[in-house]
Amino acid sequence: MWSLVCAGFSRESRPFHLSCAALCAGLMILGAGCRPSGNDENNVTLLNASYDPTRELWKDLNSNFISKFNQEHERTLHIKQSHGGSAPQARAVIDGLEADVVTLAMWSDVDAISKRGLIHPDWEDRLPNRSLPYVSTIVFVVRSGNPLKIKDWNDLVREDVSVITPNPKTSGNGKLSFLAAWGSVLAAGGIEEDARKFVTTMYRHVLVMDTGARGSTTTFAQRGMGDVHLTWENEAHLEVEESKGKLEIIYPPVSILAEPYVAVVDSTVDRKKTRAVAEEYLNYLYSPEGQEIIARHFYRPSDQKILESHRSDFPEMKLFPVTDIVSGWAEAQSKFFAEGGVFDSIYQIP
């Protein structure tokens, strides 16, 4: 059933509709037994709703935080995870998934939950660094030896190059890849019309658009489709490591500054009385220990000293903010990815 409902789609099928993707994510969460269990004086359970390629990061962070928490408090902590495309995860929370915290790929996804009254409007200012414990970017993964000599964004519109990237309607990775491609044209001195032409051509080279980042990894690395995969920096490292020499990372000279935000879901923690634990959990991400774990998983930590100590893992490249393209993430969502937006207008099925 899941392969039928949740499979990625090719250019021969219509883009996966957001509400359907959200329903799929919700069903998978229920099927996986991810509803939070009851809390009492001695036990507390948190549910973290996160985006697609963060499984390994949170497994490590959760293990270390749980050990620390259980030593310092006379309670036993359990943390459960829910993963999927960032937009469907936000929709699942809006539709009733009882997440204590959300750790999503896009500001607009957290904002969507906030607009439904589930997260306080001041959420961005309640944690350090604007609720950004780390940042990231979009890079390229290619076949070993880089046979097509793919080095920069312009190579993605060559006739001999095929691309794998997730659907920007459902995936934070997909949105960021779109914006990185668009912004690369502006960074090179082009105008908006040039950017529109470029991304229109690039998406004609996209073979499959899965609903989330991890699905695209499977399509590229395991199914062997495409010449270049546009993905998160951390996912690229994991993909290459698991390929055992069959893949390699290419850092384009310029890409977007990806900002995955974190927030406490106020409606849930107040109902479950887990606010203090949820806040301690998210603040742990900014601790030296949390920041080291983040860096080891190839996310760029907000602590500049720790970032510099891992500098060899993060090659220099120009990372432009979304404000180089539009006024902010809210406009990016409405202009490019909302129904009838730029993506809908350029991605036309023949």
Protein backbone atom coordinates (compact mmCIF):
# COMPACT_ATOMS: atom_id res chain seq x y z
CA MET A 1 0.00 0.00 0.00
CA TRP A 2 2.68 2.48 1.02
CA SER A 3 4.65 2.04 -2.19
CA LEU A 4 1.49 2.86 -4.14
CA VAL A 5 0.48 5.88 -2.07
CA CYS A 6 3.87 7.38 -1.28
CA ALA A 7 5.95 6.69 -4.37
CA GLY A 8 7.67 9.54 -6.17
CA PHE A 9 6.35 10.56 -9.52
CA SER A 10 7.93 11.07 -12.90
CA ARG A 11 7.29 13.76 -15.46
CA GLU A 12 4.60 11.51 -16.92
CA SER A 13 2.38 11.99 -13.83
CA ARG A 14 0.96 15.04 -12.11
CA PRO A 15 2.89 16.47 -9.11
CA PHE A 16 1.88 14.89 -5.81
CA HIS A 17 -0.74 17.14 -4.15
CA LEU A 18 0.22 18.53 -0.74
CA SER A 19 -2.90 17.36 1.09
CA CYS A 20 -2.44 13.81 -0.21
CA ALA A 21 1.21 13.81 0.82
CA ALA A 22 0.24 15.05 4.27
CA LEU A 23 -2.35 12.29 4.63
CA CYS A 24 0.28 9.75 3.57
CA ALA A 25 2.73 11.09 6.16
CA GLY A 26 0.06 10.96 8.85
CA LEU A 27 -0.90 7.39 8.00
CA MET A 28 2.74 6.30 8.06
CA ILE A 29 3.20 7.96 11.44
CA LEU A 30 0.18 6.14 12.87
CA GLY A 31 1.29 2.87 11.32
CA ALA A 32 4.72 3.26 12.85
CA GLY A 33 3.23 3.68 16.32
CA CYS A 34 4.52 7.22 16.75
CA ARG A 35 1.67 8.65 18.81
CA PRO A 36 3.16 9.94 22.04
CA SER A 37 2.47 7.78 25.06
CA GLY A 38 1.10 9.06 28.34
CA ASN A 39 3.26 10.95 30.84
CA ASP A 40 3.37 10.63 34.61
CA GLU A 41 5.59 11.81 37.44
CA ASN A 42 8.30 9.31 36.61
CA ASN A 43 8.11 9.10 32.83
CA VAL A 44 7.86 11.68 30.08
CA THR A 45 7.65 11.14 26.33
CA LEU A 46 8.38 13.76 23.68
CA LEU A 47 7.58 13.52 19.99
CA ASN A 48 9.86 15.38 17.57
CA ALA A 49 8.38 15.95 14.10
CA SER A 50 11.32 16.50 11.77
CA TYR A 51 12.10 16.62 8.08
CA ASP A 52 13.21 13.76 5.91
CA PRO A 53 17.02 13.30 6.12
CA THR A 54 17.58 13.98 9.83
CA ARG A 55 17.08 10.45 11.16
CA GLU A 56 20.76 9.83 11.92
CA LEU A 57 21.24 13.26 13.50
CA TRP A 58 18.33 12.91 15.92
CA LYS A 59 19.19 9.32 16.80
CA ASP A 60 22.55 10.57 18.06
CA LEU A 61 21.25 13.76 19.69
CA ASN A 62 18.36 11.98 21.38
CA SER A 63 20.55 9.22 22.80
CA ASN A 64 22.95 11.72 24.35
CA PHE A 65 20.24 14.04 25.65
CA ILE A 66 18.22 11.20 27.17
CA SER A 67 21.29 9.93 29.01
CA LYS A 68 22.02 13.42 30.33
CA PHE A 69 18.40 14.10 31.29
CA ASN A 70 17.92 10.79 33.12
CA GLN A 71 21.09 11.40 35.15
CA GLU A 72 20.03 14.93 36.14
CA HIS A 73 16.32 14.38 36.81
CA GLU A 74 14.30 11.87 38.76
CA ARG A 75 12.25 11.02 35.67
CA THR A 76 12.74 8.74 32.68
CA LEU A 77 12.63 10.42 29.26
CA HIS A 78 11.63 8.83 25.98
CA ILE A 79 11.87 10.64 22.64
CA LYS A 80 10.01 9.46 19.58
CA GLN A 81 10.65 10.67 16.04
CA SER A 82 8.44 11.36 13.04
CA HIS A 83 10.11 11.99 9.67
CA GLY A 84 8.86 12.99 6.24
CA GLY A 85 8.78 15.83 3.77
CA SER A 86 8.87 19.11 5.71
CA ALA A 87 5.56 20.48 4.39
CA PRO A 88 3.62 17.22 5.02
CA GLN A 89 5.10 17.10 8.53
CA ALA A 90 3.78 20.61 9.20
CA ARG A 91 0.40 19.57 7.81
CA ALA A 92 0.37 16.46 10.04
CA VAL A 93 0.92 18.63 13.12
CA ILE A 94 -1.83 21.01 12.02
CA ASP A 95 -4.12 18.02 11.50
CA GLY A 96 -3.52 16.64 14.98
CA LEU A 97 -0.13 14.92 15.25
CA GLU A 98 0.80 15.60 18.89
CA ALA A 99 4.40 16.71 18.36
CA ASP A 100 5.99 18.44 21.36
CA VAL A 101 8.62 20.01 19.12
CA VAL A 102 9.05 20.55 15.40
CA THR A 103 12.48 20.64 13.77
CA LEU A 104 11.57 21.40 10.17
CA ALA A 105 13.45 22.34 7.02
CA MET A 106 11.72 25.64 6.29
CA TRP A 107 10.65 28.75 8.19
CA SER A 108 7.41 28.71 6.21
CA ASP A 109 6.51 25.24 7.56
CA VAL A 110 6.88 26.33 11.20
CA ASP A 111 5.04 29.55 10.36
CA ALA A 112 2.14 27.56 8.90
CA ILE A 113 1.73 25.77 12.25
CA SER A 114 2.00 29.08 14.10
CA LYS A 115 -0.71 30.65 11.94
CA ARG A 116 -3.10 27.90 13.12
CA GLY A 117 -2.52 28.99 16.71
CA LEU A 118 -0.50 25.91 17.72
CA ILE A 119 2.81 27.78 18.16
CA HIS A 120 3.08 31.25 19.69
CA PRO A 121 3.76 34.02 17.14
CA ASP A 122 7.05 34.94 18.88
CA TRP A 123 8.50 31.44 18.39
CA GLU A 124 11.49 32.58 16.32
CA ASP A 125 12.83 34.77 19.15
CA ARG A 126 12.52 32.20 21.96
CA LEU A 127 15.73 30.31 21.22
CA PRO A 128 19.27 31.47 20.38
CA ASN A 129 20.28 32.46 16.86
CA ARG A 130 16.64 32.98 15.76
CA SER A 131 15.81 29.35 16.60
CA LEU A 132 18.51 28.08 14.25
CA PRO A 133 20.87 25.63 16.02
CA TYR A 134 22.50 24.92 12.67
CA VAL A 135 22.34 25.86 9.01
CA SER A 136 23.07 23.93 5.84
CA THR A 137 23.06 24.25 2.05
CA ILE A 138 22.38 22.37 -1.18
CA VAL A 139 25.23 20.57 -2.97
CA PHE A 140 25.58 18.10 -5.85
CA VAL A 141 26.15 14.34 -5.70
CA VAL A 142 27.48 12.74 -8.88
CA ARG A 143 28.73 9.34 -10.03
CA SER A 144 32.30 8.45 -9.08
CA GLY A 145 34.88 10.27 -11.18
CA ASN A 146 32.30 12.87 -12.17
CA PRO A 147 32.12 11.50 -15.75
CA LEU A 148 30.04 14.43 -17.03
CA LYS A 149 32.31 17.04 -15.37
CA ILE A 150 29.47 18.69 -13.47
CA LYS A 151 30.84 21.62 -11.49
CA ASP A 152 28.31 24.45 -11.42
CA TRP A 153 24.61 25.21 -11.78
CA ASN A 154 24.94 25.94 -15.50
CA ASP A 155 25.91 22.30 -16.07
CA LEU A 156 22.43 21.22 -14.95
CA VAL A 157 20.80 22.54 -18.12
CA ARG A 158 23.14 20.74 -20.51
CA GLU A 159 21.35 18.32 -22.83
CA ASP A 160 23.44 15.37 -21.61
CA VAL A 161 22.67 15.88 -17.89
CA SER A 162 19.67 14.47 -16.01
CA VAL A 163 18.73 15.67 -12.52
CA ILE A 164 17.19 14.15 -9.39
CA THR A 165 15.61 16.52 -6.86
CA PRO A 166 12.54 16.27 -4.59
CA ASN A 167 9.21 17.96 -5.23
CA PRO A 168 9.34 21.58 -3.98
CA LYS A 169 5.64 21.41 -3.15
CA THR A 170 6.26 18.83 -0.41
CA SER A 171 9.98 18.84 0.40
CA GLY A 172 12.22 21.39 2.07
CA ASN A 173 15.11 19.94 0.05
CA GLY A 174 13.01 20.49 -3.06
CA LYS A 175 12.24 24.10 -2.19
CA LEU A 176 15.85 24.87 -1.36
CA SER A 177 17.13 23.25 -4.58
CA PHE A 178 14.70 25.38 -6.58
CA LEU A 179 15.73 28.56 -4.77
CA ALA A 180 19.42 27.71 -5.03
CA ALA A 181 19.10 27.28 -8.80
CA TRP A 182 17.08 30.50 -9.13
CA GLY A 183 19.46 32.47 -6.91
CA SER A 184 22.55 31.20 -8.72
CA VAL A 185 21.38 33.09 -11.80
CA LEU A 186 20.87 36.31 -9.86
CA ALA A 187 24.25 35.89 -8.13
CA ALA A 188 25.87 35.72 -11.57
CA GLY A 189 24.28 39.04 -12.57
CA GLY A 190 21.15 37.73 -14.24
CA ILE A 191 17.66 39.14 -13.84
CA GLU A 192 14.45 37.41 -12.77
CA GLU A 193 13.47 36.57 -16.34
CA ASP A 194 16.82 34.80 -16.77
CA ALA A 195 16.25 32.87 -13.53
CA ARG A 196 12.80 31.75 -14.65
CA LYS A 197 14.17 30.49 -17.97
CA PHE A 198 16.98 28.67 -16.21
CA VAL A 199 14.83 26.78 -13.70
CA THR A 200 12.26 26.00 -16.40
CA THR A 201 14.99 24.31 -18.43
CA MET A 202 16.48 22.59 -15.39
CA TYR A 203 13.18 20.99 -14.39
CA ARG A 204 12.80 19.60 -17.89
CA HIS A 205 15.91 17.58 -17.03
CA VAL A 206 14.44 16.22 -13.77
CA LEU A 207 13.65 12.52 -14.14
CA VAL A 208 11.83 11.87 -10.84
CA MET A 209 10.58 14.13 -8.07
CA ASP A 210 10.04 12.18 -4.87
CA THR A 211 8.02 13.72 -2.04
CA GLY A 212 11.02 13.98 0.30
CA ALA A 213 14.81 14.15 0.44
CA ARG A 214 15.38 10.55 1.51
CA GLY A 215 13.20 9.27 -1.34
CA SER A 216 15.37 11.17 -3.83
CA THR A 217 18.48 9.67 -2.25
CA THR A 218 17.04 6.21 -2.86
CA THR A 219 16.14 7.09 -6.45
CA PHE A 220 19.63 8.36 -7.22
CA ALA A 221 21.90 6.15 -5.14
CA GLN A 222 20.04 2.83 -5.08
CA ARG A 223 17.92 2.91 -8.23
CA GLY A 224 20.78 4.49 -10.20
CA MET A 225 18.66 7.15 -11.88
CA GLY A 226 20.04 10.53 -12.94
CA ASP A 227 23.48 12.09 -13.36
CA VAL A 228 23.34 14.60 -10.49
CA HIS A 229 21.41 14.70 -7.24
CA LEU A 230 20.61 18.06 -5.62
CA THR A 231 20.54 17.48 -1.89
CA TRP A 232 21.33 18.69 1.61
CA GLU A 233 25.03 18.83 2.46
CA ASN A 234 24.60 16.33 5.31
CA GLU A 235 22.57 13.94 3.15
CA ALA A 236 25.25 14.13 0.46
CA HIS A 237 27.92 12.96 2.94
CA LEU A 238 25.78 10.05 4.12
CA GLU A 239 24.91 9.12 0.54
CA VAL A 240 28.54 9.08 -0.53
CA GLU A 241 29.66 7.15 2.56
CA GLU A 242 27.06 4.44 2.01
CA SER A 243 27.87 4.18 -1.72
CA LYS A 244 31.35 2.77 -0.91
CA GLY A 245 33.15 4.69 -3.64
CA LYS A 246 30.39 4.87 -6.27
CA LEU A 247 29.44 8.51 -5.63
CA GLU A 248 31.15 11.80 -4.80
CA ILE A 249 30.21 15.30 -3.66
CA ILE A 250 30.58 18.41 -5.82
CA TYR A 251 30.41 21.81 -4.14
CA PRO A 252 29.13 24.46 -6.55
CA PRO A 253 30.73 27.90 -6.08
CA VAL A 254 27.44 29.39 -4.86
CA SER A 255 24.34 27.96 -3.20
CA ILE A 256 21.57 28.96 -0.83
CA LEU A 257 21.86 29.35 2.93
CA ALA A 258 19.45 26.70 4.21
CA GLU A 259 17.85 27.52 7.56
CA PRO A 260 16.11 24.60 9.32
CA TYR A 261 14.17 26.04 12.27
CA VAL A 262 13.15 24.43 15.56
CA ALA A 263 10.24 25.29 17.85
CA VAL A 264 8.19 24.05 20.78
CA VAL A 265 4.59 23.28 19.82
CA ASP A 266 2.84 25.28 22.53
CA SER A 267 -0.59 23.68 22.22
CA THR A 268 0.87 20.20 22.70
CA VAL A 269 3.29 20.89 25.55
CA ASP A 270 0.69 22.84 27.49
CA ARG A 271 -1.83 20.02 27.12
CA LYS A 272 0.70 17.28 27.96
CA LYS A 273 2.52 19.42 30.56
CA THR A 274 5.86 18.76 28.86
CA ARG A 275 6.92 22.37 28.23
CA ALA A 276 9.91 22.38 30.60
CA VAL A 277 11.33 19.16 29.15
CA ALA A 278 10.70 20.23 25.54
CA GLU A 279 12.44 23.55 26.12
CA GLU A 280 15.40 21.84 27.80
CA TYR A 281 15.59 19.47 24.83
CA LEU A 282 15.78 22.25 22.25
CA ASN A 283 18.21 24.31 24.33
CA TYR A 284 20.49 21.26 24.48
CA LEU A 285 21.04 21.70 20.73
CA TYR A 286 23.00 24.88 21.49
CA SER A 287 25.21 23.31 24.14
CA PRO A 288 28.83 22.48 23.25
CA GLU A 289 27.97 18.77 23.27
CA GLY A 290 24.92 19.27 21.04
CA GLN A 291 26.83 21.50 18.64
CA GLU A 292 29.63 18.93 18.32
CA ILE A 293 27.12 16.21 17.45
CA ILE A 294 25.52 18.52 14.89
CA ALA A 295 28.91 19.21 13.26
CA ARG A 296 29.84 15.52 13.20
CA HIS A 297 26.70 14.88 11.15
CA PHE A 298 27.75 17.56 8.62
CA TYR A 299 25.28 20.26 9.64
CA ARG A 300 26.92 23.67 10.06
CA PRO A 301 26.65 24.52 13.79
CA SER A 302 25.67 28.00 14.97
CA ASP A 303 28.62 28.06 17.42
CA GLN A 304 31.34 29.65 15.30
CA LYS A 305 34.20 28.17 17.34
CA ILE A 306 32.88 24.65 16.81
CA LEU A 307 32.23 25.41 13.15
CA GLU A 308 35.84 26.53 12.71
CA SER A 309 37.13 23.41 14.46
CA HIS A 310 35.34 21.40 11.75
CA ARG A 311 36.27 23.74 8.90
CA SER A 312 37.81 20.96 6.79
CA ASP A 313 34.37 19.30 6.66
CA PHE A 314 32.72 22.42 5.25
CA PRO A 315 34.45 23.74 2.11
CA GLU A 316 34.22 27.46 1.49
CA MET A 317 31.41 28.50 -0.83
CA LYS A 318 29.23 31.56 -1.19
CA LEU A 319 25.94 30.96 0.62
CA PHE A 320 23.31 33.57 -0.23
CA PRO A 321 20.28 34.19 2.02
CA VAL A 322 16.73 33.95 0.73
CA THR A 323 16.54 37.74 1.05
CA ASP A 324 18.81 37.96 -2.02
CA ILE A 325 15.82 36.60 -3.96
CA VAL A 326 12.71 37.86 -2.13
CA SER A 327 11.87 39.73 1.07
CA GLY A 328 11.87 36.56 3.17
CA TRP A 329 10.64 32.98 3.56
CA ALA A 330 6.99 33.99 3.65
CA GLU A 331 7.24 35.62 0.22
CA ALA A 332 9.31 32.71 -1.11
CA GLN A 333 6.51 30.31 -0.16
CA SER A 334 3.71 32.42 -1.61
CA LYS A 335 5.55 33.45 -4.77
CA PHE A 336 7.21 30.20 -5.76
CA PHE A 337 5.46 27.24 -4.11
CA ALA A 338 1.85 28.15 -3.32
CA GLU A 339 -0.92 26.94 -5.63
CA GLY A 340 -0.59 28.85 -8.90
CA GLY A 341 2.91 30.09 -8.00
CA VAL A 342 6.03 30.13 -10.14
CA PHE A 343 6.73 26.42 -9.79
CA ASP A 344 3.22 25.49 -10.93
CA SER A 345 3.59 27.80 -13.92
CA ILE A 346 6.91 26.41 -15.11
CA TYR A 347 6.42 22.71 -14.38
CA GLN A 348 3.99 21.81 -17.10
CA ILE A 349 3.38 18.21 -18.14
CA PRO A 350 3.48 17.87 -21.95
